Structure formats: structure tokens, C-alpha cells
Protein backbone atom coordinates (compact mmCIF):
# COMPACT_ATOMS: atom_id res chain seq x y z
CA MET A 1 -15.77 -17.84 -2.43
CA ASN A 2 -13.03 -19.78 -0.66
CA ALA A 3 -10.35 -18.25 1.56
CA GLN A 4 -7.67 -18.10 -1.13
CA GLU A 5 -10.07 -16.40 -3.53
CA THR A 6 -10.98 -13.90 -0.79
CA PHE A 7 -7.30 -13.15 -0.16
CA ALA A 8 -6.74 -12.76 -3.92
CA LYS A 9 -9.72 -10.42 -4.29
CA VAL A 10 -8.53 -8.14 -1.50
CA ILE A 11 -5.04 -7.93 -3.00
CA ARG A 12 -6.36 -7.44 -6.54
CA ASP A 13 -8.85 -4.75 -5.51
CA GLN A 14 -6.22 -2.84 -3.54
CA ILE A 15 -3.65 -3.05 -6.35
CA LEU A 16 -6.19 -1.66 -8.79
CA ALA A 17 -7.37 1.02 -6.34
CA ALA A 18 -3.77 2.15 -5.82
CA GLY A 19 -3.25 2.37 -9.58
CA TYR A 20 -0.48 -0.23 -9.75
CA SER A 21 0.13 -2.59 -12.62
CA TYR A 22 1.24 -6.03 -11.47
CA LYS A 23 4.77 -5.19 -12.60
CA LYS A 24 4.87 -1.87 -10.74
CA PHE A 25 3.44 -3.48 -7.63
CA GLY A 26 6.06 -6.25 -7.79
CA ASP A 27 8.78 -3.63 -8.21
CA ALA A 28 7.43 -1.71 -5.20
CA LEU A 29 7.79 -4.90 -3.15
CA GLY A 30 11.38 -5.42 -4.24
CA SER A 31 11.64 -7.02 -7.66
CA ILE A 32 8.80 -9.53 -7.41
CA PRO A 33 8.03 -10.77 -10.96
CA HIS A 34 4.66 -9.69 -12.32
CA GLN A 35 3.87 -13.37 -12.94
CA THR A 36 4.13 -13.99 -9.18
CA VAL A 37 1.81 -11.09 -8.44
CA SER A 38 -0.56 -12.45 -11.08
CA ARG A 39 -0.64 -15.83 -9.29
CA TRP A 40 -1.54 -14.07 -6.02
CA VAL A 41 -4.38 -12.02 -7.50
CA ASN A 42 -5.78 -14.95 -9.48
CA ALA A 43 -5.86 -17.29 -6.45
CA ARG A 44 -3.23 -19.62 -7.92
CA GLY A 45 -0.65 -18.94 -5.22
CA LEU A 46 0.00 -17.15 -1.96
CA PRO A 47 2.84 -14.87 -0.96
CA ASP A 48 5.35 -16.07 1.62
CA PHE A 49 4.76 -14.91 5.19
CA ASP A 50 7.71 -12.49 4.96
CA ARG A 51 5.97 -10.66 2.11
CA LEU A 52 2.82 -9.84 4.08
CA ALA A 53 4.16 -6.77 5.89
CA PRO A 54 5.50 -5.13 2.71
CA ILE A 55 2.24 -5.93 0.89
CA ALA A 56 0.16 -4.43 3.70
CA LYS A 57 2.34 -1.33 3.85
CA THR A 58 2.44 -0.80 0.08
CA LEU A 59 -1.31 -1.26 -0.32
CA GLN A 60 -2.20 0.47 2.96
CA ILE A 61 -4.07 -2.60 4.22
CA ASP A 62 -4.31 -3.33 7.93
CA TYR A 63 -1.60 -5.94 8.59
CA GLN A 64 -3.70 -7.95 11.03
CA ASP A 65 -6.57 -8.19 8.56
CA LEU A 66 -4.23 -9.27 5.76
CA TYR A 67 -2.55 -11.78 8.07
CA ALA A 68 -5.91 -13.29 9.09
CA LEU A 69 -6.90 -13.68 5.42
CA TRP A 70 -3.51 -15.26 4.64
CA VAL A 71 -3.77 -17.72 7.55
CA ALA A 72 -7.25 -18.74 6.42
CA ALA A 73 -6.00 -19.30 2.87
CA VAL A 74 -2.91 -21.25 3.97
CA SER A 75 -5.01 -23.38 6.36
CA GLU A 76 -7.57 -24.07 3.67
CA ARG A 77 -4.83 -25.07 1.21
CA GLY A 78 -3.31 -27.37 3.84
CA ARG A 79 -6.64 -29.06 4.46
CA ARG A 80 -7.16 -29.49 0.72
CA ILE A 81 -3.69 -31.04 0.29
CA ALA A 82 -4.30 -33.35 3.26
CA GLY A 83 -7.59 -34.47 1.74
CA GLU A 84 -9.60 -33.05 4.63
CA PRO A 85 -12.91 -31.30 4.16
CA VAL A 86 -12.44 -27.66 3.24
CA GLU A 87 -14.65 -25.40 5.26
CA SER A 88 -14.20 -21.88 6.47
CA ILE A 89 -12.16 -21.23 9.59
CA ASN A 90 -14.39 -21.31 12.62
CA SER A 91 -14.60 -18.33 14.94
CA GLN A 92 -12.61 -20.08 17.71
CA MET A 93 -9.61 -20.47 15.42
CA MET A 94 -9.86 -16.82 14.41
CA GLU A 95 -9.88 -15.82 18.08
CA ASP A 96 -6.70 -17.84 18.66
CA LEU A 97 -4.74 -16.00 15.96
CA PRO A 98 -2.00 -13.69 17.17
CA SER A 99 -3.31 -10.15 17.22
CA THR A 100 -0.15 -8.05 17.20
CA ARG A 101 2.92 -7.87 15.03
CA SER A 102 5.12 -8.62 18.05
CA GLU A 103 3.18 -11.85 18.71
CA ILE A 104 3.62 -12.84 15.07
CA LEU A 105 7.34 -12.10 15.14
CA GLU A 106 7.67 -14.05 18.39
CA ILE A 107 5.97 -17.07 16.77
CA LYS A 108 8.19 -16.73 13.70
CA LEU A 109 11.32 -16.67 15.90
CA ARG A 110 10.11 -19.76 17.78
CA MET A 111 9.45 -21.55 14.47
CA GLU A 112 12.97 -20.71 13.28
CA GLN A 113 14.40 -22.04 16.56
CA LEU A 114 12.43 -25.27 16.16
CA GLU A 115 13.57 -25.64 12.55
CA ASN A 116 17.20 -25.16 13.62
CA GLU A 117 16.77 -27.75 16.37
CA LEU A 118 15.23 -30.16 13.87
CA ARG A 119 18.17 -29.66 11.49
CA ARG A 120 20.59 -30.26 14.35
CA LEU A 121 18.81 -33.46 15.35
CA ASN A 122 18.74 -34.67 11.73
CA ARG A 123 22.50 -34.17 11.46
CA LYS A 124 23.01 -36.43 14.48
CA ASP A 125 21.14 -39.30 12.79
């Protein structure tokens, strides 16, 4: 089972355990179409980063565990798109993952700052 399938299985199992339909789960997250939820649970797509906290809260999944699964799936998808060999994340990479929500939010803020700087630089060209 690859990383995206593992992420999908965790989400699917928790949705079923909580007694949600895909539609009700999407509604609980804030009007997410059931088709989108279906893509997540069938390993045909991944939620955006900003959706992870609401998913974890709604399904009562540990956020850090969900985040680690999501990072593995996103990394695997990136390697596949780049034509690189797809293998599981090694333990060193897992150790380097941020371990707290504040670290994750700090990284997100830094990424937003870098994106803004990139946009500013592109406007100069």
C-alpha cells in the first residue's frame, strides 16, 4: 500500500467509524462536496493543507499523525510526478517533520512570506 492509499484508508475508516456519509462529512467540514471526499477516501486526491486540522478535529484523529500521513502522500505524489522512484519516506525524513502545530503554522507563515516575495519579484520583471 502506498502513502496516498494509507492516508485514504485512515480517512475512510474514521469516516465510517464516526457514522458519517461522505456528504455529511463534507458538510461537517464546511460545504466540501461529497465527490471531493470520495476522491480523498479512494486515493484519487488529497485535501489541501488547510483542511487537515478540521479533518483531524472532526474525525478525532491526532493532528500530527494525520499530518505525517499527508506529508508522506504529498511527497510520494511529487516524486511520481517528477519521475523519481517512489519509495516510502525514510525514517530520517520522518524525524525532520515538524512535531507541533505551532511549528507547522510557523512554516506555513514562512511559505506565505516567500510566495509574496516571489510575486513581488515577478512584478518587477
